[in-house]
């Protein structure tokens, strides 16, 4: 059964609006996008990690997903009881990258439910603006969207995203209700030494997009023994301008100083630090690496660590691998932590 067709059409209109904005915002003589431009300026002022380039990247990505064909195909795999009373789904959103909680927002509304959203203090501008646009397209949504700054006091289920530490609080507070609770995860990449310069340059997009703050950013690479890191550094050279972002540069300087004072062996190209480390989550401006002897043994180890890994970048090694350069281009059915959000909602 299709989801509510009126809501679906509203999201399709949003996708068209985002597409037009990304293509025409620089030539907006009639001022059609003035309010949206103001919202983006406020978002960047509130969180300096949200640069104009990254905001446009996010909006362009969502504009490509919010089409009638994509949404209909995605939703066709699920059955929603349109006669059932809508559930109120509380959503605790992260704020590490722009609109990081938007996928949950879309899932809840297109499943016919109500969203009670607690946005991150780092991302409080964009989603309310988009919600207002959706309500203009479909006024019925006004009764289905609510934002709160306090604790949830009326909800039927919860989707909460945070760190390993906050997840314990989420589990305590929300554990008696149906829930999806997400913890820390990172993306990893497996290199063989046979990658082309184009593939390695694309890997740079996986590493540096959103300054490496996303759970789908590659924070660790696996390389064979005697790997030539020069080929990687040469391919990543085009990303050198990233060091001119003040907060990124501050993290680079700090982490480099810590590593040097601790006498860790590091590789450094002036804007990225490579450190051999078994951990998955590397600090900003750092990339961990680990050597492997056998691809098959490495595959087995990564399967054992799947709860720490959001996605894997490789070439013809895993069934669900991500191509180089595509970690920040998730599809509608690329669910965070591998938990099918729409299935969860359809079974409430």
C-alpha atoms as a PDB file:
ATOM      1  CA  UNK A   1       0.000   0.000   0.000  1.00  0.00           C
ATOM      2  CA  UNK A   2       1.342   3.451  -0.895  1.00  0.00           C
ATOM      3  CA  UNK A   3       2.067   5.951   1.805  1.00  0.00           C
ATOM      4  CA  UNK A   4      -0.165   9.018   2.075  1.00  0.00           C
ATOM      5  CA  UNK A   5      -0.092  10.446  -1.451  1.00  0.00           C
ATOM      6  CA  UNK A   6      -0.519  14.047  -0.280  1.00  0.00           C
ATOM      7  CA  UNK A   7       2.549  13.835   1.928  1.00  0.00           C
ATOM      8  CA  UNK A   8       4.528  12.175  -0.830  1.00  0.00           C
ATOM      9  CA  UNK A   9       3.637  14.979  -3.243  1.00  0.00           C
ATOM     10  CA  UNK A  10       4.753  17.552  -0.679  1.00  0.00           C
ATOM     11  CA  UNK A  11       8.176  15.932  -0.467  1.00  0.00           C
ATOM     12  CA  UNK A  12       8.406  15.775  -4.263  1.00  0.00           C
ATOM     13  CA  UNK A  13       7.685  19.518  -4.357  1.00  0.00           C
ATOM     14  CA  UNK A  14      10.405  20.002  -1.761  1.00  0.00           C
ATOM     15  CA  UNK A  15      12.836  18.031  -3.935  1.00  0.00           C
ATOM     16  CA  UNK A  16      12.015  20.250  -6.922  1.00  0.00           C
ATOM     17  CA  UNK A  17      12.437  23.368  -4.781  1.00  0.00           C
ATOM     18  CA  UNK A  18      15.836  22.211  -3.519  1.00  0.00           C
ATOM     19  CA  UNK A  19      16.915  21.384  -7.070  1.00  0.00           C
ATOM     20  CA  UNK A  20      15.871  24.803  -8.344  1.00  0.00           C
ATOM     21  CA  UNK A  21      17.598  26.493  -5.417  1.00  0.00           C
ATOM     22  CA  UNK A  22      20.888  24.677  -5.973  1.00  0.00           C
ATOM     23  CA  UNK A  23      20.810  25.509  -9.693  1.00  0.00           C
ATOM     24  CA  UNK A  24      19.549  29.105  -9.543  1.00  0.00           C
ATOM     25  CA  UNK A  25      20.311  30.656  -6.157  1.00  0.00           C
ATOM     26  CA  UNK A  26      23.136  32.748  -7.619  1.00  0.00           C
ATOM     27  CA  UNK A  27      20.825  34.284 -10.234  1.00  0.00           C
ATOM     28  CA  UNK A  28      17.790  34.877  -8.034  1.00  0.00           C
ATOM     29  CA  UNK A  29      16.783  38.277  -9.426  1.00  0.00           C
ATOM     30  CA  UNK A  30      13.178  37.927  -8.241  1.00  0.00           C
ATOM     31  CA  UNK A  31      14.221  37.049  -4.707  1.00  0.00           C
ATOM     32  CA  UNK A  32      12.325  33.773  -4.742  1.00  0.00           C
ATOM     33  CA  UNK A  33      14.961  32.099  -2.596  1.00  0.00           C
ATOM     34  CA  UNK A  34      15.768  35.016  -0.298  1.00  0.00           C
ATOM     35  CA  UNK A  35      14.281  33.399   2.804  1.00  0.00           C
ATOM     36  CA  UNK A  36      16.128  30.158   2.112  1.00  0.00           C
ATOM     37  CA  UNK A  37      19.390  32.039   1.632  1.00  0.00           C
ATOM     38  CA  UNK A  38      18.819  33.739   4.971  1.00  0.00           C
ATOM     39  CA  UNK A  39      18.243  30.361   6.603  1.00  0.00           C
ATOM     40  CA  UNK A  40      21.520  29.021   5.205  1.00  0.00           C
ATOM     41  CA  UNK A  41      23.378  32.095   6.454  1.00  0.00           C
ATOM     42  CA  UNK A  42      21.898  31.583   9.923  1.00  0.00           C
ATOM     43  CA  UNK A  43      22.811  27.890   9.835  1.00  0.00           C
ATOM     44  CA  UNK A  44      26.422  28.742   9.004  1.00  0.00           C
ATOM     45  CA  UNK A  45      26.558  31.455  11.662  1.00  0.00           C
ATOM     46  CA  UNK A  46      25.239  29.008  14.237  1.00  0.00           C
ATOM     47  CA  UNK A  47      27.682  26.263  13.281  1.00  0.00           C
ATOM     48  CA  UNK A  48      30.824  27.243  11.396  1.00  0.00           C
ATOM     49  CA  UNK A  49      31.354  23.606  10.331  1.00  0.00           C
ATOM     50  CA  UNK A  50      28.273  24.104   8.135  1.00  0.00           C
ATOM     51  CA  UNK A  51      30.012  25.911   5.299  1.00  0.00           C
ATOM     52  CA  UNK A  52      28.061  27.137   2.273  1.00  0.00           C
ATOM     53  CA  UNK A  53      29.675  24.477   0.088  1.00  0.00           C
ATOM     54  CA  UNK A  54      28.670  21.640   2.417  1.00  0.00           C
ATOM     55  CA  UNK A  55      25.158  23.010   2.850  1.00  0.00           C
ATOM     56  CA  UNK A  56      24.677  23.085  -0.925  1.00  0.00           C
ATOM     57  CA  UNK A  57      26.101  19.569  -1.188  1.00  0.00           C
ATOM     58  CA  UNK A  58      23.524  18.300   1.314  1.00  0.00           C
ATOM     59  CA  UNK A  59      20.651  20.065  -0.416  1.00  0.00           C
ATOM     60  CA  UNK A  60      21.696  18.824  -3.863  1.00  0.00           C
ATOM     61  CA  UNK A  61      21.897  15.271  -2.572  1.00  0.00           C
ATOM     62  CA  UNK A  62      18.399  15.416  -1.114  1.00  0.00           C
ATOM     63  CA  UNK A  63      17.011  17.080  -4.228  1.00  0.00           C
ATOM     64  CA  UNK A  64      18.152  14.033  -6.218  1.00  0.00           C
ATOM     65  CA  UNK A  65      16.460  11.630  -3.774  1.00  0.00           C
ATOM     66  CA  UNK A  66      13.131  13.411  -3.342  1.00  0.00           C
ATOM     67  CA  UNK A  67      11.581  12.500  -6.673  1.00  0.00           C
ATOM     68  CA  UNK A  68       8.284  10.727  -7.251  1.00  0.00           C
ATOM     69  CA  UNK A  69      10.031   7.730  -8.835  1.00  0.00           C
ATOM     70  CA  UNK A  70      12.601   7.287  -6.079  1.00  0.00           C
ATOM     71  CA  UNK A  71      10.146   7.776  -3.226  1.00  0.00           C
ATOM     72  CA  UNK A  72       7.479   5.532  -4.742  1.00  0.00           C
ATOM     73  CA  UNK A  73       9.922   2.719  -5.454  1.00  0.00           C
ATOM     74  CA  UNK A  74      11.343   2.947  -1.955  1.00  0.00           C
ATOM     75  CA  UNK A  75       7.965   2.979  -0.206  1.00  0.00           C
ATOM     76  CA  UNK A  76       6.517   0.200  -2.370  1.00  0.00           C
ATOM     77  CA  UNK A  77       8.455  -2.378  -0.352  1.00  0.00           C
ATOM     78  CA  UNK A  78       6.464  -1.625   2.800  1.00  0.00           C
ATOM     79  CA  UNK A  79       2.859  -1.862   3.954  1.00  0.00           C
ATOM     80  CA  UNK A  80       1.361   0.946   6.015  1.00  0.00           C
ATOM     81  CA  UNK A  81      -1.997   0.788   7.756  1.00  0.00           C
ATOM     82  CA  UNK A  82      -3.507   4.122   6.746  1.00  0.00           C
ATOM     83  CA  UNK A  83      -6.574   3.493   8.914  1.00  0.00           C
ATOM     84  CA  UNK A  84      -4.563   3.116  12.106  1.00  0.00           C
ATOM     85  CA  UNK A  85      -4.188   6.030  14.486  1.00  0.00           C
ATOM     86  CA  UNK A  86      -0.899   7.823  13.703  1.00  0.00           C
ATOM     87  CA  UNK A  87       1.853   7.237  16.228  1.00  0.00           C
ATOM     88  CA  UNK A  88       3.980  10.062  17.629  1.00  0.00           C
ATOM     89  CA  UNK A  89       7.643   9.268  17.058  1.00  0.00           C
ATOM     90  CA  UNK A  90      10.170  11.168  19.114  1.00  0.00           C
ATOM     91  CA  UNK A  91      13.442  11.837  17.309  1.00  0.00           C
ATOM     92  CA  UNK A  92      16.633  12.943  19.035  1.00  0.00           C
ATOM     93  CA  UNK A  93      18.807  14.276  16.240  1.00  0.00           C
ATOM     94  CA  UNK A  94      22.555  14.621  16.021  1.00  0.00           C
ATOM     95  CA  UNK A  95      24.153  17.800  14.668  1.00  0.00           C
ATOM     96  CA  UNK A  96      27.470  16.664  13.270  1.00  0.00           C
ATOM     97  CA  UNK A  97      26.576  17.315   9.612  1.00  0.00           C
ATOM     98  CA  UNK A  98      23.753  19.348   8.029  1.00  0.00           C
ATOM     99  CA  UNK A  99      20.287  17.747   8.154  1.00  0.00           C
ATOM    100  CA  UNK A 100      21.711  14.519   9.547  1.00  0.00           C
ATOM    101  CA  UNK A 101      18.314  13.664  11.054  1.00  0.00           C
ATOM    102  CA  UNK A 102      16.303  14.408   7.931  1.00  0.00           C
ATOM    103  CA  UNK A 103      16.094  10.786   6.806  1.00  0.00           C
ATOM    104  CA  UNK A 104      14.292   9.840  10.033  1.00  0.00           C
ATOM    105  CA  UNK A 105      12.011  12.856   9.550  1.00  0.00           C
ATOM    106  CA  UNK A 106      11.119  11.685   6.031  1.00  0.00           C
ATOM    107  CA  UNK A 107      10.544   8.093   7.157  1.00  0.00           C
ATOM    108  CA  UNK A 108       8.198   9.092   9.965  1.00  0.00           C
ATOM    109  CA  UNK A 109       6.020  11.399   7.898  1.00  0.00           C
ATOM    110  CA  UNK A 110       5.815   9.158   4.836  1.00  0.00           C
ATOM    111  CA  UNK A 111       4.839   6.224   7.054  1.00  0.00           C
ATOM    112  CA  UNK A 112       1.798   8.263   8.098  1.00  0.00           C
ATOM    113  CA  UNK A 113       3.009   9.082  11.587  1.00  0.00           C
ATOM    114  CA  UNK A 114       3.726  12.250  13.547  1.00  0.00           C
ATOM    115  CA  UNK A 115       7.233  13.501  14.275  1.00  0.00           C
ATOM    116  CA  UNK A 116       8.278  15.054  17.578  1.00  0.00           C
ATOM    117  CA  UNK A 117      11.767  16.343  16.852  1.00  0.00           C
ATOM    118  CA  UNK A 118      14.459  17.469  19.233  1.00  0.00           C
ATOM    119  CA  UNK A 119      17.082  19.050  17.006  1.00  0.00           C
ATOM    120  CA  UNK A 120      20.717  19.383  17.982  1.00  0.00           C
ATOM    121  CA  UNK A 121      21.859  22.767  19.215  1.00  0.00           C
ATOM    122  CA  UNK A 122      24.319  22.626  16.298  1.00  0.00           C
ATOM    123  CA  UNK A 123      21.615  22.248  13.640  1.00  0.00           C
ATOM    124  CA  UNK A 124      18.460  24.115  14.668  1.00  0.00           C
ATOM    125  CA  UNK A 125      17.789  26.175  11.536  1.00  0.00           C
ATOM    126  CA  UNK A 126      17.493  24.038   8.419  1.00  0.00           C
ATOM    127  CA  UNK A 127      14.942  21.418   9.436  1.00  0.00           C
ATOM    128  CA  UNK A 128      12.379  23.895  10.832  1.00  0.00           C
ATOM    129  CA  UNK A 129      12.682  25.914   7.618  1.00  0.00           C
ATOM    130  CA  UNK A 130      12.106  22.813   5.500  1.00  0.00           C
ATOM    131  CA  UNK A 131       9.216  21.771   7.747  1.00  0.00           C
ATOM    132  CA  UNK A 132       7.564  25.157   7.160  1.00  0.00           C
ATOM    133  CA  UNK A 133       7.949  24.691   3.412  1.00  0.00           C
ATOM    134  CA  UNK A 134       6.359  21.233   3.572  1.00  0.00           C
ATOM    135  CA  UNK A 135       3.445  22.596   5.605  1.00  0.00           C
ATOM    136  CA  UNK A 136       2.900  25.273   2.956  1.00  0.00           C
ATOM    137  CA  UNK A 137       2.636  22.514   0.350  1.00  0.00           C
ATOM    138  CA  UNK A 138       0.446  20.260   2.505  1.00  0.00           C
ATOM    139  CA  UNK A 139      -1.227  22.091   5.444  1.00  0.00           C
ATOM    140  CA  UNK A 140      -2.252  18.758   7.009  1.00  0.00           C
ATOM    141  CA  UNK A 141       1.381  18.301   7.998  1.00  0.00           C
ATOM    142  CA  UNK A 142       1.073  21.115  10.527  1.00  0.00           C
ATOM    143  CA  UNK A 143      -0.546  18.638  12.903  1.00  0.00           C
ATOM    144  CA  UNK A 144       2.118  16.012  12.182  1.00  0.00           C
ATOM    145  CA  UNK A 145       5.293  18.025  12.895  1.00  0.00           C
ATOM    146  CA  UNK A 146       6.357  19.324  16.279  1.00  0.00           C
ATOM    147  CA  UNK A 147       9.708  20.592  17.541  1.00  0.00           C
ATOM    148  CA  UNK A 148      10.753  20.619  21.179  1.00  0.00           C
ATOM    149  CA  UNK A 149      13.751  21.829  23.164  1.00  0.00           C
ATOM    150  CA  UNK A 150      12.841  19.938  26.313  1.00  0.00           C
ATOM    151  CA  UNK A 151      12.221  16.348  27.286  1.00  0.00           C
ATOM    152  CA  UNK A 152       9.681  14.299  25.403  1.00  0.00           C
ATOM    153  CA  UNK A 153       6.417  14.053  27.330  1.00  0.00           C
ATOM    154  CA  UNK A 154       4.192  12.339  24.777  1.00  0.00           C
ATOM    155  CA  UNK A 155       5.495   9.747  22.357  1.00  0.00           C
ATOM    156  CA  UNK A 156       4.831   6.196  21.223  1.00  0.00           C
ATOM    157  CA  UNK A 157       8.314   5.294  19.969  1.00  0.00           C
ATOM    158  CA  UNK A 158      11.746   6.871  19.752  1.00  0.00           C
ATOM    159  CA  UNK A 159      14.615   7.165  17.304  1.00  0.00           C
ATOM    160  CA  UNK A 160      17.702   8.588  19.008  1.00  0.00           C
ATOM    161  CA  UNK A 161      21.149   9.191  17.575  1.00  0.00           C
ATOM    162  CA  UNK A 162      24.179   9.991  19.681  1.00  0.00           C
ATOM    163  CA  UNK A 163      27.480   8.745  21.011  1.00  0.00           C
ATOM    164  CA  UNK A 164      28.256   5.528  22.859  1.00  0.00           C
ATOM    165  CA  UNK A 165      27.971   7.534  26.084  1.00  0.00           C
ATOM    166  CA  UNK A 166      24.618   9.175  25.327  1.00  0.00           C
ATOM    167  CA  UNK A 167      23.211   5.857  24.115  1.00  0.00           C
ATOM    168  CA  UNK A 168      23.274   4.594  27.698  1.00  0.00           C
ATOM    169  CA  UNK A 169      21.115   7.533  28.736  1.00  0.00           C
ATOM    170  CA  UNK A 170      18.804   6.930  25.772  1.00  0.00           C
ATOM    171  CA  UNK A 171      18.441   3.268  26.685  1.00  0.00           C
ATOM    172  CA  UNK A 172      17.602   4.159  30.283  1.00  0.00           C
ATOM    173  CA  UNK A 173      15.156   6.910  29.400  1.00  0.00           C
ATOM    174  CA  UNK A 174      13.504   5.394  26.331  1.00  0.00           C
ATOM    175  CA  UNK A 175      14.025   1.674  26.925  1.00  0.00           C
ATOM    176  CA  UNK A 176      10.384   0.949  27.813  1.00  0.00           C
ATOM    177  CA  UNK A 177       9.150   2.237  24.446  1.00  0.00           C
ATOM    178  CA  UNK A 178       9.827   0.788  20.972  1.00  0.00           C
ATOM    179  CA  UNK A 179      13.077   2.396  19.905  1.00  0.00           C
ATOM    180  CA  UNK A 180      16.012   2.668  17.572  1.00  0.00           C
ATOM    181  CA  UNK A 181      19.087   3.868  19.437  1.00  0.00           C
ATOM    182  CA  UNK A 182      22.194   4.585  17.410  1.00  0.00           C
ATOM    183  CA  UNK A 183      25.758   4.768  18.700  1.00  0.00           C
ATOM    184  CA  UNK A 184      29.157   5.750  17.321  1.00  0.00           C
ATOM    185  CA  UNK A 185      30.028   4.282  13.951  1.00  0.00           C
ATOM    186  CA  UNK A 186      32.567   5.077  11.268  1.00  0.00           C
ATOM    187  CA  UNK A 187      33.326   4.163   7.695  1.00  0.00           C
ATOM    188  CA  UNK A 188      36.488   2.308   6.696  1.00  0.00           C
ATOM    189  CA  UNK A 189      38.217   1.777   3.367  1.00  0.00           C
ATOM    190  CA  UNK A 190      40.243  -1.175   2.133  1.00  0.00           C
ATOM    191  CA  UNK A 191      43.099  -0.443  -0.235  1.00  0.00           C
ATOM    192  CA  UNK A 192      45.030  -3.047  -2.191  1.00  0.00           C
ATOM    193  CA  UNK A 193      47.708  -0.803  -3.699  1.00  0.00           C
ATOM    194  CA  UNK A 194      46.203  -1.235  -7.166  1.00  0.00           C
ATOM    195  CA  UNK A 195      43.803   1.703  -6.968  1.00  0.00           C
ATOM    196  CA  UNK A 196      43.895   4.313  -9.697  1.00  0.00           C
ATOM    197  CA  UNK A 197      44.640   7.927  -8.892  1.00  0.00           C
ATOM    198  CA  UNK A 198      40.986   8.692  -9.649  1.00  0.00           C
ATOM    199  CA  UNK A 199      39.823   6.158  -7.051  1.00  0.00           C
ATOM    200  CA  UNK A 200      42.187   7.532  -4.419  1.00  0.00           C
ATOM    201  CA  UNK A 201      41.131  11.084  -5.199  1.00  0.00           C
ATOM    202  CA  UNK A 202      37.506   9.991  -4.805  1.00  0.00           C
ATOM    203  CA  UNK A 203      38.495   8.510  -1.448  1.00  0.00           C
ATOM    204  CA  UNK A 204      39.451  12.037  -0.465  1.00  0.00           C
ATOM    205  CA  UNK A 205      35.790  12.980  -0.794  1.00  0.00           C
ATOM    206  CA  UNK A 206      34.948  10.175   1.641  1.00  0.00           C
ATOM    207  CA  UNK A 207      37.574  11.431   4.075  1.00  0.00           C
ATOM    208  CA  UNK A 208      37.178  15.211   3.888  1.00  0.00           C
ATOM    209  CA  UNK A 209      33.519  15.909   3.050  1.00  0.00           C
ATOM    210  CA  UNK A 210      31.869  17.592   6.058  1.00  0.00           C
ATOM    211  CA  UNK A 211      35.386  17.843   7.539  1.00  0.00           C
ATOM    212  CA  UNK A 212      35.254  14.150   8.408  1.00  0.00           C
ATOM    213  CA  UNK A 213      32.524  14.666  11.013  1.00  0.00           C
ATOM    214  CA  UNK A 214      29.954  12.225   9.604  1.00  0.00           C
ATOM    215  CA  UNK A 215      29.476   8.603  10.594  1.00  0.00           C
ATOM    216  CA  UNK A 216      29.847   7.738   6.888  1.00  0.00           C
ATOM    217  CA  UNK A 217      33.203   9.518   6.609  1.00  0.00           C
ATOM    218  CA  UNK A 218      36.171   7.214   6.180  1.00  0.00           C
ATOM    219  CA  UNK A 219      38.164   7.489   9.387  1.00  0.00           C
ATOM    220  CA  UNK A 220      40.381   4.444   8.877  1.00  0.00           C
ATOM    221  CA  UNK A 221      42.018   2.638   5.979  1.00  0.00           C
ATOM    222  CA  UNK A 222      43.389  -0.887   5.731  1.00  0.00           C
ATOM    223  CA  UNK A 223      46.471  -1.271   3.555  1.00  0.00           C
ATOM    224  CA  UNK A 224      48.730  -4.218   2.605  1.00  0.00           C
ATOM    225  CA  UNK A 225      52.203  -4.526   4.051  1.00  0.00           C
ATOM    226  CA  UNK A 226      54.747  -2.243   2.349  1.00  0.00           C
ATOM    227  CA  UNK A 227      51.982  -0.002   1.023  1.00  0.00           C
ATOM    228  CA  UNK A 228      53.268   3.117  -0.753  1.00  0.00           C
ATOM    229  CA  UNK A 229      51.593   5.992   1.068  1.00  0.00           C
ATOM    230  CA  UNK A 230      53.054   8.492  -1.404  1.00  0.00           C
ATOM    231  CA  UNK A 231      50.474   7.487  -4.007  1.00  0.00           C
ATOM    232  CA  UNK A 232      47.707   8.217  -1.516  1.00  0.00           C
ATOM    233  CA  UNK A 233      49.152  11.575  -0.485  1.00  0.00           C
ATOM    234  CA  UNK A 234      49.666  12.567  -4.124  1.00  0.00           C
ATOM    235  CA  UNK A 235      46.060  11.751  -4.965  1.00  0.00           C
ATOM    236  CA  UNK A 236      44.764  13.695  -1.949  1.00  0.00           C
ATOM    237  CA  UNK A 237      46.810  16.806  -2.746  1.00  0.00           C
ATOM    238  CA  UNK A 238      43.820  18.535  -4.367  1.00  0.00           C
ATOM    239  CA  UNK A 239      42.174  18.703  -0.933  1.00  0.00           C
ATOM    240  CA  UNK A 240      45.018  20.783   0.540  1.00  0.00           C
ATOM    241  CA  UNK A 241      42.858  23.924   0.834  1.00  0.00           C
ATOM    242  CA  UNK A 242      40.960  22.296   3.684  1.00  0.00           C
ATOM    243  CA  UNK A 243      43.696  23.427   6.065  1.00  0.00           C
ATOM    244  CA  UNK A 244      42.532  27.031   5.615  1.00  0.00           C
ATOM    245  CA  UNK A 245      39.331  26.324   7.540  1.00  0.00           C
ATOM    246  CA  UNK A 246      40.162  27.645  11.009  1.00  0.00           C
ATOM    247  CA  UNK A 247      38.498  24.967  13.129  1.00  0.00           C
ATOM    248  CA  UNK A 248      39.914  22.181  10.976  1.00  0.00           C
ATOM    249  CA  UNK A 249      43.399  23.734  11.184  1.00  0.00           C
ATOM    250  CA  UNK A 250      43.122  24.044  14.964  1.00  0.00           C
ATOM    251  CA  UNK A 251      42.294  20.335  15.218  1.00  0.00           C
ATOM    252  CA  UNK A 252      45.151  19.472  12.878  1.00  0.00           C
ATOM    253  CA  UNK A 253      47.661  21.473  14.952  1.00  0.00           C
ATOM    254  CA  UNK A 254      46.383  20.087  18.246  1.00  0.00           C
ATOM    255  CA  UNK A 255      46.344  16.437  17.206  1.00  0.00           C
ATOM    256  CA  UNK A 256      49.737  16.695  15.550  1.00  0.00           C
ATOM    257  CA  UNK A 257      51.205  18.203  18.715  1.00  0.00           C
ATOM    258  CA  UNK A 258      49.674  15.452  20.877  1.00  0.00           C
ATOM    259  CA  UNK A 259      51.017  12.725  18.605  1.00  0.00           C
ATOM    260  CA  UNK A 260      54.497  14.221  18.465  1.00  0.00           C
ATOM    261  CA  UNK A 261      54.697  14.768  22.222  1.00  0.00           C
ATOM    262  CA  UNK A 262      53.585  11.184  22.751  1.00  0.00           C
ATOM    263  CA  UNK A 263      56.294  10.122  20.272  1.00  0.00           C
ATOM    264  CA  UNK A 264      53.817   8.324  18.037  1.00  0.00           C
ATOM    265  CA  UNK A 265      55.025   7.567  14.564  1.00  0.00           C
ATOM    266  CA  UNK A 266      52.929   9.576  12.126  1.00  0.00           C
ATOM    267  CA  UNK A 267      52.818  10.429   8.439  1.00  0.00           C
ATOM    268  CA  UNK A 268      51.897  14.005   7.611  1.00  0.00           C
ATOM    269  CA  UNK A 269      51.301  15.954   4.400  1.00  0.00           C
ATOM    270  CA  UNK A 270      50.517  19.345   5.895  1.00  0.00           C
ATOM    271  CA  UNK A 271      46.737  18.920   6.120  1.00  0.00           C
ATOM    272  CA  UNK A 272      46.171  15.268   7.089  1.00  0.00           C
ATOM    273  CA  UNK A 273      47.878  13.100   9.694  1.00  0.00           C
ATOM    274  CA  UNK A 274      48.126   9.348   9.198  1.00  0.00           C
ATOM    275  CA  UNK A 275      48.599   7.266  12.335  1.00  0.00           C
ATOM    276  CA  UNK A 276      48.778   3.497  12.686  1.00  0.00           C
ATOM    277  CA  UNK A 277      46.002   2.581  15.094  1.00  0.00           C
ATOM    278  CA  UNK A 278      43.592  -0.293  15.704  1.00  0.00           C
ATOM    279  CA  UNK A 279      40.724   2.048  16.588  1.00  0.00           C
ATOM    280  CA  UNK A 280      38.005   2.972  14.094  1.00  0.00           C
ATOM    281  CA  UNK A 281      37.306   6.564  15.080  1.00  0.00           C
ATOM    282  CA  UNK A 282      40.107   8.984  14.264  1.00  0.00           C
ATOM    283  CA  UNK A 283      40.160  12.633  15.388  1.00  0.00           C
ATOM    284  CA  UNK A 284      39.475  15.466  12.943  1.00  0.00           C
ATOM    285  CA  UNK A 285      42.349  15.984  10.482  1.00  0.00           C
ATOM    286  CA  UNK A 286      43.628  12.469  11.246  1.00  0.00           C
ATOM    287  CA  UNK A 287      43.228   9.178   9.432  1.00  0.00           C
ATOM    288  CA  UNK A 288      44.046   5.877  11.102  1.00  0.00           C
ATOM    289  CA  UNK A 289      45.552   3.008   9.146  1.00  0.00           C
ATOM    290  CA  UNK A 290      46.228  -0.640   9.802  1.00  0.00           C
ATOM    291  CA  UNK A 291      48.186  -3.197   7.790  1.00  0.00           C
ATOM    292  CA  UNK A 292      46.714  -6.522   6.706  1.00  0.00           C
ATOM    293  CA  UNK A 293      48.300  -9.722   5.397  1.00  0.00           C
ATOM    294  CA  UNK A 294      45.258 -11.517   4.005  1.00  0.00           C
ATOM    295  CA  UNK A 295      42.119 -10.089   2.440  1.00  0.00           C
ATOM    296  CA  UNK A 296      40.086 -13.053   3.644  1.00  0.00           C
ATOM    297  CA  UNK A 297      41.265 -12.676   7.235  1.00  0.00           C
ATOM    298  CA  UNK A 298      40.553  -8.941   7.061  1.00  0.00           C
ATOM    299  CA  UNK A 299      37.013  -9.611   5.809  1.00  0.00           C
ATOM    300  CA  UNK A 300      36.398 -11.932   8.748  1.00  0.00           C
ATOM    301  CA  UNK A 301      37.698  -9.351  11.213  1.00  0.00           C
ATOM    302  CA  UNK A 302      35.484  -6.629   9.772  1.00  0.00           C
ATOM    303  CA  UNK A 303      32.422  -8.861   9.981  1.00  0.00           C
ATOM    304  CA  UNK A 304      33.162  -9.340  13.688  1.00  0.00           C
ATOM    305  CA  UNK A 305      33.369  -5.547  14.095  1.00  0.00           C
ATOM    306  CA  UNK A 306      30.236  -4.735  12.091  1.00  0.00           C
ATOM    307  CA  UNK A 307      28.596  -2.951  15.032  1.00  0.00           C
ATOM    308  CA  UNK A 308      31.372  -0.331  14.899  1.00  0.00           C
ATOM    309  CA  UNK A 309      31.288   0.161  11.123  1.00  0.00           C
ATOM    310  CA  UNK A 310      28.748   2.231   9.214  1.00  0.00           C
ATOM    311  CA  UNK A 311      29.962   1.300   5.746  1.00  0.00           C
ATOM    312  CA  UNK A 312      32.952  -0.142   3.921  1.00  0.00           C
ATOM    313  CA  UNK A 313      34.638   1.398   0.897  1.00  0.00           C
ATOM    314  CA  UNK A 314      36.322  -1.163  -1.338  1.00  0.00           C
ATOM    315  CA  UNK A 315      36.376  -2.501  -4.883  1.00  0.00           C
ATOM    316  CA  UNK A 316      34.795  -5.907  -5.533  1.00  0.00           C
ATOM    317  CA  UNK A 317      35.467  -7.238  -2.040  1.00  0.00           C
ATOM    318  CA  UNK A 318      32.121  -6.979  -0.198  1.00  0.00           C
ATOM    319  CA  UNK A 319      28.529  -7.481  -1.316  1.00  0.00           C
ATOM    320  CA  UNK A 320      27.379  -4.235   0.274  1.00  0.00           C
ATOM    321  CA  UNK A 321      30.512  -2.180  -0.294  1.00  0.00           C
ATOM    322  CA  UNK A 322      30.462   1.517  -1.182  1.00  0.00           C
ATOM    323  CA  UNK A 323      32.315   2.771  -4.237  1.00  0.00           C
ATOM    324  CA  UNK A 324      35.175   5.205  -3.729  1.00  0.00           C
ATOM    325  CA  UNK A 325      33.767   8.705  -3.362  1.00  0.00           C
ATOM    326  CA  UNK A 326      30.186   7.655  -2.574  1.00  0.00           C
ATOM    327  CA  UNK A 327      29.986   7.399   1.222  1.00  0.00           C
ATOM    328  CA  UNK A 328      28.202  10.744   1.513  1.00  0.00           C
ATOM    329  CA  UNK A 329      25.679   9.840  -1.184  1.00  0.00           C
ATOM    330  CA  UNK A 330      23.481   7.363   0.685  1.00  0.00           C
ATOM    331  CA  UNK A 331      20.332   6.113  -1.039  1.00  0.00           C
ATOM    332  CA  UNK A 332      16.915   6.170   0.593  1.00  0.00           C
ATOM    333  CA  UNK A 333      17.282   2.537   1.671  1.00  0.00           C
ATOM    334  CA  UNK A 334      20.783   2.985   3.107  1.00  0.00           C
ATOM    335  CA  UNK A 335      19.654   2.921   6.714  1.00  0.00           C
ATOM    336  CA  UNK A 336      21.930   4.123   9.488  1.00  0.00           C
ATOM    337  CA  UNK A 337      23.452   1.264  11.487  1.00  0.00           C
ATOM    338  CA  UNK A 338      21.748  -1.172   9.101  1.00  0.00           C
ATOM    339  CA  UNK A 339      18.423  -0.849  10.945  1.00  0.00           C
ATOM    340  CA  UNK A 340      15.466  -0.549   8.563  1.00  0.00           C
ATOM    341  CA  UNK A 341      13.678   2.540   9.868  1.00  0.00           C
ATOM    342  CA  UNK A 342      10.570   2.141   7.704  1.00  0.00           C
ATOM    343  CA  UNK A 343      10.172  -1.513   8.693  1.00  0.00           C
ATOM    344  CA  UNK A 344      10.398  -0.454  12.335  1.00  0.00           C
ATOM    345  CA  UNK A 345       7.723   2.188  11.799  1.00  0.00           C
ATOM    346  CA  UNK A 346       5.439  -0.069   9.775  1.00  0.00           C
ATOM    347  CA  UNK A 347       5.368  -2.639  12.572  1.00  0.00           C
ATOM    348  CA  UNK A 348       4.415  -0.291  15.413  1.00  0.00           C
END
